[in-house]
Protein backbone atom coordinates (compact mmCIF):
# COMPACT_ATOMS: atom_id res chain seq x y z
CA MET A 1 14.38 -4.75 80.03
CA GLY A 2 18.08 -5.24 80.88
CA ARG A 3 20.05 -2.62 82.77
CA GLY A 4 22.63 -2.49 79.95
CA HIS A 5 19.97 -1.53 77.41
CA VAL A 6 18.54 1.13 79.71
CA SER A 7 21.96 2.68 80.29
CA THR A 8 22.59 2.73 76.52
CA LEU A 9 19.33 4.58 75.91
CA VAL A 10 20.13 7.09 78.71
CA ALA A 11 23.60 7.65 77.24
CA PHE A 12 22.19 8.41 73.78
CA GLU A 13 19.62 10.81 75.17
CA LYS A 14 22.28 12.65 77.20
CA ALA A 15 24.56 12.89 74.16
CA TYR A 16 21.68 14.13 72.01
CA ALA A 17 20.86 16.83 74.58
CA GLN A 18 24.39 18.19 74.16
CA ASP A 19 24.29 18.11 70.32
CA THR A 20 20.69 18.26 69.05
CA GLU A 21 21.66 18.72 65.41
CA SER A 22 23.77 15.56 65.07
CA HIS A 23 22.04 13.22 62.59
CA ARG A 24 23.97 10.20 63.82
CA LEU A 25 23.15 10.80 67.47
CA THR A 26 19.51 11.54 66.62
CA SER A 27 19.20 8.31 64.64
CA HIS A 28 20.96 6.23 67.30
CA THR A 29 18.68 7.63 69.97
CA ALA A 30 15.60 6.92 67.85
CA ARG A 31 16.70 3.33 67.18
CA ALA A 32 17.29 2.79 70.89
CA LEU A 33 13.78 4.04 71.57
CA LEU A 34 12.38 1.64 68.97
CA GLN A 35 14.20 -1.26 70.61
CA HIS A 36 12.54 -0.25 73.89
CA GLN A 37 9.14 -0.23 72.17
CA GLN A 38 8.65 3.53 72.32
CA PRO A 39 7.72 4.20 68.64
CA GLU A 40 6.09 7.58 69.23
CA ARG A 41 9.18 9.04 70.92
CA ALA A 42 11.38 7.41 68.28
CA LEU A 43 9.39 9.11 65.54
CA GLU A 44 10.04 12.48 67.12
CA TYR A 45 13.78 11.91 66.93
CA PHE A 46 13.65 10.62 63.34
CA ARG A 47 11.53 13.59 62.31
CA LYS A 48 14.10 15.91 63.90
CA ALA A 49 16.91 14.10 62.07
CA CYS A 50 15.15 14.80 58.77
CA THR A 51 14.60 18.43 59.75
CA TYR A 52 18.27 18.93 60.56
CA ASN A 53 19.45 16.94 57.53
CA PRO A 54 16.79 17.35 54.80
CA GLU A 55 19.17 16.17 52.04
CA ASN A 56 20.22 13.01 53.91
CA ALA A 57 18.60 9.98 52.21
CA ALA A 58 19.40 7.66 55.12
CA ALA A 59 17.58 9.94 57.57
CA TRP A 60 14.44 9.85 55.44
CA ALA A 61 14.73 6.07 55.05
CA ASP A 62 14.97 5.71 58.85
CA PHE A 63 11.97 7.97 59.31
CA GLY A 64 10.03 5.89 56.77
CA SER A 65 10.91 2.65 58.53
CA ALA A 66 9.91 4.03 61.93
CA SER A 67 6.65 5.39 60.55
CA GLN A 68 5.90 2.02 58.99
CA LEU A 69 6.54 0.24 62.31
CA ALA A 70 4.27 2.74 64.05
CA GLY A 71 1.49 2.06 61.54
CA GLN A 72 1.64 5.53 60.01
CA THR A 73 1.55 4.33 56.42
CA ASN A 74 1.12 7.64 54.61
CA ASP A 75 4.05 9.22 56.46
CA ALA A 76 6.16 6.16 55.69
CA ILE A 77 5.33 6.36 51.98
CA ALA A 78 6.19 10.05 51.83
CA ALA A 79 9.50 9.50 53.65
CA TYR A 80 10.50 6.56 51.47
CA ASN A 81 9.74 8.51 48.29
CA ARG A 82 11.83 11.44 49.55
CA SER A 83 14.68 9.07 50.39
CA LEU A 84 14.70 7.49 46.91
CA LYS A 85 14.61 10.92 45.30
CA LEU A 86 17.81 11.76 47.17
CA ASP A 87 19.54 8.40 46.61
CA ALA A 88 18.27 5.88 44.04
CA MET A 89 20.62 3.10 45.19
CA GLN A 90 18.78 2.14 48.38
CA THR A 91 17.50 -1.35 47.67
CA PRO A 92 15.54 -1.93 50.91
CA VAL A 93 13.63 1.31 50.40
CA TYR A 94 12.26 0.13 47.02
CA THR A 95 10.89 -3.09 48.45
CA SER A 96 9.54 -1.46 51.64
CA LEU A 97 7.80 1.26 49.64
CA ALA A 98 6.37 -1.22 47.12
CA GLY A 99 5.18 -3.42 49.97
CA LEU A 100 3.28 -0.50 51.49
CA TYR A 101 1.64 0.34 48.17
CA LEU A 102 0.62 -3.29 47.73
CA SER A 103 -0.87 -3.36 51.23
CA LYS A 104 -3.01 -0.35 50.19
CA HIS A 105 -3.96 -2.14 46.92
CA ASP A 106 -2.28 0.66 44.99
CA ASP A 107 -0.66 -1.85 42.64
CA HIS A 108 0.07 0.71 39.93
CA ALA A 109 2.20 2.76 42.32
CA ALA A 110 3.95 -0.39 43.58
CA VAL A 111 4.88 -1.50 40.07
CA LYS A 112 6.05 2.01 39.22
CA VAL A 113 8.45 1.97 42.20
CA LEU A 114 9.72 -1.51 41.41
CA LEU A 115 10.22 -0.58 37.76
CA ARG A 116 12.46 2.32 38.80
CA GLY A 117 14.64 0.02 40.87
CA ILE A 118 14.73 -3.06 38.68
CA LYS A 119 16.39 -1.10 35.88
CA ILE A 120 19.43 -0.48 38.13
CA PRO A 121 21.76 -3.52 37.89
CA GLU A 122 22.99 -3.21 41.49
CA VAL A 123 19.43 -3.01 42.82
CA MET A 124 17.77 -5.53 40.49
CA PRO A 125 18.42 -8.94 42.23
CA PRO A 126 16.61 -8.17 45.52
CA ILE A 127 13.75 -6.55 43.63
CA VAL A 128 13.39 -9.63 41.43
CA ALA A 129 13.24 -11.78 44.58
CA PHE A 130 10.63 -9.43 46.07
CA CYS A 131 8.49 -9.60 42.92
CA PHE A 132 8.61 -13.38 42.95
CA ASP A 133 7.71 -13.71 46.64
CA GLN A 134 4.88 -11.19 46.44
CA GLY A 135 3.58 -12.61 43.16
CA ARG A 136 3.56 -16.13 44.55
CA LEU A 137 1.71 -14.94 47.67
CA LEU A 138 -0.94 -13.24 45.55
CA VAL A 139 -1.39 -16.38 43.44
CA GLU A 140 -1.85 -18.43 46.61
CA GLN A 141 -4.51 -15.92 47.64
CA GLU A 142 -6.13 -16.34 44.18
CA GLN A 143 -5.49 -12.68 43.34
CA ILE A 144 -4.18 -13.57 39.89
CA GLU A 145 -4.68 -10.21 38.20
CA ARG A 146 -2.64 -8.50 40.93
CA ALA A 147 0.16 -11.07 40.66
CA ILE A 148 0.60 -10.79 36.89
CA PRO A 149 2.28 -7.33 36.77
CA LEU A 150 4.91 -8.50 39.27
CA PHE A 151 5.79 -11.55 37.20
CA LEU A 152 5.77 -9.41 34.05
CA LEU A 153 8.50 -7.26 35.59
CA MET A 154 10.58 -10.39 36.04
CA ALA A 155 9.88 -11.53 32.50
CA GLU A 156 11.06 -8.21 31.11
CA TYR A 157 14.02 -7.43 33.38
CA ALA A 158 15.42 -10.76 34.66
CA PRO A 159 17.31 -12.00 31.56
CA ALA A 160 18.16 -15.47 32.85
CA GLN A 161 14.52 -16.23 33.68
CA ARG A 162 12.57 -14.51 30.92
CA GLU A 163 11.13 -17.58 29.27
CA ARG A 164 10.14 -19.08 32.61
CA PHE A 165 8.12 -16.04 33.58
CA HIS A 166 6.61 -15.40 30.15
CA LEU A 167 5.28 -18.97 30.33
CA LEU A 168 4.07 -18.47 33.90
CA VAL A 169 2.26 -15.24 33.01
CA GLY A 170 0.71 -16.95 29.99
CA GLU A 171 -0.56 -19.73 32.23
CA LEU A 172 -1.99 -17.20 34.67
CA TYR A 173 -3.76 -15.35 31.86
CA GLU A 174 -5.27 -18.65 30.73
CA SER A 175 -6.50 -19.32 34.27
CA ILE A 176 -8.53 -16.09 34.22
CA ASN A 177 -9.82 -16.68 30.68
CA ARG A 178 -7.72 -14.12 28.85
CA PRO A 179 -6.38 -16.26 25.99
CA ASP A 180 -5.19 -13.41 23.78
CA GLU A 181 -2.84 -12.10 26.46
CA ALA A 182 -1.71 -15.66 27.16
CA ALA A 183 -0.85 -16.16 23.50
CA GLN A 184 1.17 -12.94 23.51
CA GLN A 185 3.26 -14.20 26.42
CA TYR A 186 3.89 -17.58 24.78
CA THR A 187 4.85 -15.82 21.55
CA LYS A 188 7.33 -13.65 23.45
CA ALA A 189 8.83 -16.77 24.98
CA ILE A 190 9.22 -18.32 21.53
CA GLY A 191 11.01 -15.19 20.31
CA LEU A 192 13.77 -15.48 22.91
CA ALA A 193 17.15 -16.88 21.93
CA THR A 194 16.92 -19.13 25.01
CA SER A 195 13.48 -20.48 24.13
CA THR A 196 12.67 -24.16 24.75
CA PRO A 197 10.14 -26.57 23.18
CA GLU A 198 7.71 -25.88 26.03
CA ALA A 199 6.94 -22.42 24.64
CA TYR A 200 5.84 -23.89 21.29
CA LEU A 201 3.82 -26.60 23.03
CA ARG A 202 1.97 -24.10 25.24
CA LEU A 203 1.08 -21.81 22.33
CA ALA A 204 -0.02 -24.68 20.09
CA GLU A 205 -2.21 -26.16 22.82
CA LEU A 206 -3.87 -22.79 23.40
CA GLN A 207 -4.44 -22.34 19.68
CA GLU A 208 -6.05 -25.78 19.44
CA VAL A 209 -8.42 -24.97 22.29
CA GLN A 210 -9.34 -21.58 20.82
CA SER A 211 -9.64 -22.68 17.18
CA PRO A 212 -9.76 -26.48 16.92
CA ASP A 213 -10.51 -26.39 13.18
CA SER A 214 -7.72 -24.02 12.25
CA ALA A 215 -4.16 -24.87 11.25
CA HIS A 216 -2.55 -22.45 13.71
CA GLY A 217 -1.64 -25.13 16.22
CA ILE A 218 -0.03 -27.35 13.60
CA GLN A 219 1.88 -24.39 12.16
CA THR A 220 3.26 -23.48 15.59
CA LEU A 221 4.40 -27.06 16.16
CA GLN A 222 6.00 -27.16 12.71
CA GLN A 223 7.98 -24.04 13.61
CA GLY A 224 9.00 -25.75 16.83
CA LEU A 225 10.26 -28.81 14.93
CA LYS A 226 12.37 -26.59 12.67
CA ARG A 227 14.04 -25.16 15.74
CA PHE A 228 14.15 -28.42 17.73
CA PRO A 229 14.30 -31.24 15.16
CA ASP A 230 13.00 -34.60 16.36
CA ASN A 231 12.05 -33.28 19.79
CA PRO A 232 9.81 -36.08 21.17
CA ALA A 233 7.38 -33.76 22.98
CA ILE A 234 6.71 -31.76 19.81
CA LEU A 235 6.48 -34.93 17.71
CA PHE A 236 3.90 -36.32 20.12
CA ALA A 237 1.94 -33.04 20.05
CA MET A 238 1.98 -33.11 16.22
CA ALA A 239 0.60 -36.65 16.24
CA TYR A 240 -2.06 -35.81 18.81
CA THR A 241 -3.18 -32.67 16.97
CA HIS A 242 -3.51 -34.52 13.65
CA HIS A 243 -5.43 -37.28 15.45
CA VAL A 244 -7.88 -34.81 17.02
CA GLN A 245 -8.42 -33.25 13.59
CA GLN A 246 -9.25 -36.71 12.21
CA GLU A 247 -6.04 -36.74 10.14
CA HIS A 248 -4.92 -40.12 11.42
CA GLU A 249 -2.67 -40.95 8.47
CA ASN A 250 -0.74 -37.74 9.14
CA ALA A 251 -0.37 -38.60 12.82
CA LEU A 252 1.25 -42.00 12.32
CA PRO A 253 4.67 -40.90 10.92
CA PHE A 254 5.34 -38.76 14.00
CA LEU A 255 4.53 -41.68 16.27
CA ASN A 256 6.81 -43.97 14.27
CA THR A 257 9.66 -41.47 14.63
CA ILE A 258 9.27 -41.52 18.40
CA ILE A 259 9.30 -45.34 18.38
CA GLU A 260 12.59 -45.34 16.47
CA GLN A 261 14.06 -42.81 18.88
CA VAL A 262 13.19 -44.98 21.87
CA LYS A 263 14.57 -48.11 20.20
CA SER A 264 17.92 -46.40 19.69
CA SER A 265 18.05 -45.01 23.25
CA GLU A 266 19.12 -47.49 25.88
CA GLY A 267 17.02 -47.52 29.02
CA GLU A 268 14.10 -45.49 27.67
CA ARG A 269 10.58 -46.74 27.14
CA LEU A 270 7.36 -45.43 25.69
CA SER A 271 4.83 -43.86 28.04
CA ALA A 272 1.35 -45.24 28.66
CA GLY A 273 -0.07 -42.11 27.05
CA PHE A 274 1.95 -42.79 23.91
CA TYR A 275 0.55 -46.33 23.63
CA LEU A 276 -2.99 -45.03 24.09
CA LEU A 277 -2.59 -42.48 21.29
CA HIS A 278 -0.81 -44.95 18.99
CA GLY A 279 -3.47 -47.61 19.47
CA SER A 280 -6.26 -45.09 18.97
CA VAL A 281 -4.72 -43.82 15.71
CA LEU A 282 -4.42 -47.36 14.35
CA GLU A 283 -7.97 -48.21 15.41
CA ARG A 284 -9.35 -45.13 13.65
CA MET A 285 -7.45 -46.22 10.54
CA HIS A 286 -9.21 -49.63 10.83
CA ARG A 287 -5.88 -51.37 11.42
CA PHE A 288 -7.45 -53.31 14.25
CA ASN A 289 -4.92 -56.11 14.60
CA GLU A 290 -2.07 -53.62 14.93
CA ALA A 291 -4.08 -51.55 17.40
CA GLU A 292 -4.74 -54.66 19.48
CA MET A 293 -1.02 -55.47 19.55
CA VAL A 294 -0.22 -51.92 20.70
CA PHE A 295 -2.76 -52.02 23.52
CA GLU A 296 -1.63 -55.47 24.65
CA GLU A 297 1.99 -54.30 24.70
CA CYS A 298 0.91 -51.30 26.74
CA LEU A 299 -0.87 -53.51 29.27
CA SER A 300 2.13 -55.82 29.55
CA ILE A 301 4.14 -52.80 30.76
CA TYR A 302 1.36 -50.83 32.47
CA PRO A 303 -1.14 -53.49 33.63
CA ASN A 304 -3.26 -50.98 35.57
CA HIS A 305 -3.67 -48.47 32.77
CA HIS A 306 -7.46 -48.38 32.87
CA GLN A 307 -7.85 -46.21 29.75
CA ALA A 308 -6.07 -48.87 27.66
CA LEU A 309 -8.11 -51.64 29.29
CA ASN A 310 -11.34 -49.87 28.40
CA TYR A 311 -10.28 -48.85 24.90
CA LEU A 312 -9.36 -52.40 23.91
CA ALA A 313 -12.50 -53.82 25.53
CA TYR A 314 -14.72 -51.36 23.66
CA MET A 315 -12.91 -52.03 20.38
CA TRP A 316 -13.64 -55.75 20.78
CA ALA A 317 -17.25 -55.04 21.70
CA GLU A 318 -17.68 -52.93 18.56
CA GLN A 319 -16.25 -55.82 16.51
CA ASN A 320 -18.42 -58.29 18.45
CA ARG A 321 -15.48 -60.56 19.29
CA ALA A 322 -13.40 -61.65 22.30
CA LEU A 323 -16.34 -60.61 24.45
CA GLU A 324 -15.40 -62.64 27.53
CA LEU A 325 -11.90 -61.15 27.55
CA ALA A 326 -13.37 -57.70 26.85
CA GLU A 327 -15.66 -58.11 29.87
CA ARG A 328 -12.70 -59.02 32.10
CA TYR A 329 -10.70 -56.05 30.85
CA VAL A 330 -13.43 -53.45 31.38
CA LYS A 331 -14.23 -54.84 34.82
CA ARG A 332 -10.56 -54.36 35.71
CA ALA A 333 -10.86 -50.79 34.44
CA LEU A 334 -13.94 -50.25 36.60
CA ASP A 335 -12.14 -51.64 39.64
CA LEU A 336 -9.60 -48.86 39.10
CA ASP A 337 -12.16 -46.14 38.25
CA PRO A 338 -15.61 -47.27 39.48
CA ASP A 339 -17.56 -44.11 38.64
CA ASN A 340 -16.40 -43.75 35.05
CA GLY A 341 -19.47 -43.46 32.84
CA ALA A 342 -17.60 -44.39 29.66
CA TYR A 343 -16.37 -47.64 31.24
CA LEU A 344 -19.90 -48.48 32.39
CA ASP A 345 -21.07 -47.90 28.82
CA THR A 346 -18.45 -50.35 27.56
CA LEU A 347 -19.60 -53.01 30.01
CA GLY A 348 -23.25 -52.44 29.11
CA TRP A 349 -22.42 -52.68 25.41
CA ILE A 350 -20.59 -55.96 25.96
CA PHE A 351 -23.65 -57.35 27.77
CA TYR A 352 -25.77 -56.21 24.80
CA ARG A 353 -23.47 -58.05 22.39
CA GLN A 354 -23.77 -61.13 24.58
CA GLY A 355 -27.57 -60.93 24.47
CA LYS A 356 -27.83 -60.09 28.18
CA TYR A 357 -30.31 -57.29 27.61
CA SER A 358 -31.57 -56.88 31.19
CA GLU A 359 -28.02 -56.61 32.54
CA ALA A 360 -27.12 -54.30 29.66
CA LEU A 361 -30.06 -51.98 30.39
CA GLU A 362 -29.19 -51.74 34.09
CA ILE A 363 -25.55 -50.82 33.38
CA ILE A 364 -26.27 -48.40 30.51
CA ILE A 365 -28.80 -46.53 32.66
CA LYS A 366 -26.04 -46.09 35.28
CA ALA A 367 -23.71 -44.88 32.55
CA SER A 368 -26.29 -42.33 31.32
CA GLU A 369 -26.69 -41.05 34.88
CA LYS A 370 -22.94 -40.42 35.03
CA LEU A 371 -22.84 -38.86 31.53
CA PRO A 372 -26.39 -37.63 30.77
CA ASN A 373 -25.43 -35.76 27.58
CA ASP A 374 -23.33 -38.45 25.92
CA ALA A 375 -24.75 -39.19 22.47
CA THR A 376 -23.11 -42.63 22.18
CA ILE A 377 -24.48 -43.85 25.52
CA LEU A 378 -27.98 -42.67 24.56
CA GLU A 379 -27.77 -44.45 21.21
CA HIS A 380 -26.73 -47.63 23.01
CA LEU A 381 -29.65 -47.16 25.39
CA GLY A 382 -32.01 -46.94 22.42
CA ASP A 383 -30.56 -50.11 20.87
CA ILE A 384 -31.03 -52.01 24.13
CA HIS A 385 -34.64 -50.82 24.47
CA LEU A 386 -35.25 -51.99 20.90
CA ALA A 387 -33.73 -55.40 21.67
CA ARG A 388 -36.13 -55.67 24.62
CA GLY A 389 -39.07 -54.80 22.36
CA ASP A 390 -39.66 -51.31 23.76
CA THR A 391 -39.78 -49.26 20.54
CA LYS A 392 -41.17 -46.14 22.25
CA GLN A 393 -38.28 -45.91 24.70
CA ALA A 394 -35.86 -46.72 21.89
CA ALA A 395 -37.20 -43.85 19.78
CA GLU A 396 -36.92 -41.41 22.70
CA ALA A 397 -33.30 -42.35 23.42
CA TRP A 398 -32.31 -42.22 19.73
CA THR A 399 -33.99 -38.83 19.26
CA THR A 400 -32.14 -37.36 22.23
CA SER A 401 -28.86 -38.82 20.96
CA LEU A 402 -29.36 -37.35 17.50
CA ARG A 403 -30.10 -33.93 18.96
CA LEU A 404 -26.71 -34.11 20.67
CA ASN A 405 -24.92 -35.35 17.54
CA ALA A 406 -26.85 -34.33 14.45
CA ASP A 407 -24.13 -35.64 12.10
CA ASN A 408 -24.67 -39.29 13.08
CA LYS A 409 -25.79 -40.62 9.67
CA PRO A 410 -25.91 -44.33 10.69
CA LEU A 411 -28.28 -43.45 13.52
CA GLN A 412 -30.51 -41.48 11.15
CA LEU A 413 -30.77 -44.50 8.85
CA LYS A 414 -31.51 -46.78 11.81
CA MET A 415 -34.29 -44.47 12.98
CA LEU A 416 -35.80 -44.36 9.49
CA ASP A 417 -35.67 -48.16 9.27
CA HIS A 418 -37.71 -48.39 12.48
CA GLY A 419 -40.16 -45.64 11.60
CA THR A 420 -38.77 -43.07 14.03
CA PRO A 421 -39.04 -39.48 12.77
CA ILE A 422 -35.82 -37.51 12.40
CA PRO A 423 -36.00 -34.44 14.67
CA SER A 424 -35.70 -31.02 13.07
CA HIS A 425 -32.90 -28.74 14.26
């Protein structure tokens, strides 16, 4: 401890002894004691300052800060509350008090304090920053439900960032499986004058997950297109949603619009995901030559896109053509993603088409180990057993497949043709 600091402390104590009711001298003496790591003595001086000046907000704030440093949380909370009651413009007191409540897991009290301050324009910016920092810390600690009220304050009272935080809170609600509250937040974001396409996309995606057979997702995207005409992200989402709902003809116009947009925009190109969706839509519409051209164009730009490699290889295997090229493509896909059960199934199915039944059986068994509840893989397994003359194993695999996908009419007919009973459900 330096001699200068000691002399300063002695000077304050001497001055205080001559004027014990001076708030300024009392506070200066207390602060000097804190700097010299004497919190208990400092608290005595701060307590006296409050006694002599009970209507002085700064004195109570100092007492609260000293109590907090000394670990006397309840005294600190009481002092901070008294200080704010006397002067509502003390920004640091709001955040210190809220921090103490949060440390005690009294989140309701913390939010109540922050709500009082955030409504005051002069006090709002630091409180918004505090809410963000504390909310982020709680998310990092996986205390999502505690973080949400802090971000909700920002969504309601930080005008420039409302959409951002409504979307964030919606995402957090989704992460803890509270979809209704998530939808409410996305809807609020959509209702803002500053809303962006992302709000519509988030809500539509949630609606598709919750009710895949309903039209709610499509309706939300349609509203988004009215507000943001020809937005490529919404157009793509419209196409994808129609595709998932088996409405492939309805998906294609949205994809064609995106293609025209890219053609008229210098320097832009279609994403690998776009090519995969476009090719899939065409394949489901039985426009195989066009689908093949789309996938080949994709691979000329994205040669390591293993999903496209596998999709094209499987399409050829289903058509029983270009099997050597299909084998090369799916092996490239497996080099990129060796443990992918769907890719193993494609390779096994190609071997089956080539009459390599032993190789096909070995690979399809590996695929079924990766994806044990995949109806298509199990049907393929049954077909391979049948080709090898093992009708019992074929019947077992087909039966399991049909239990997983009871609507597979071609499989039912195949089982009847080979004398395999159709399981009851």
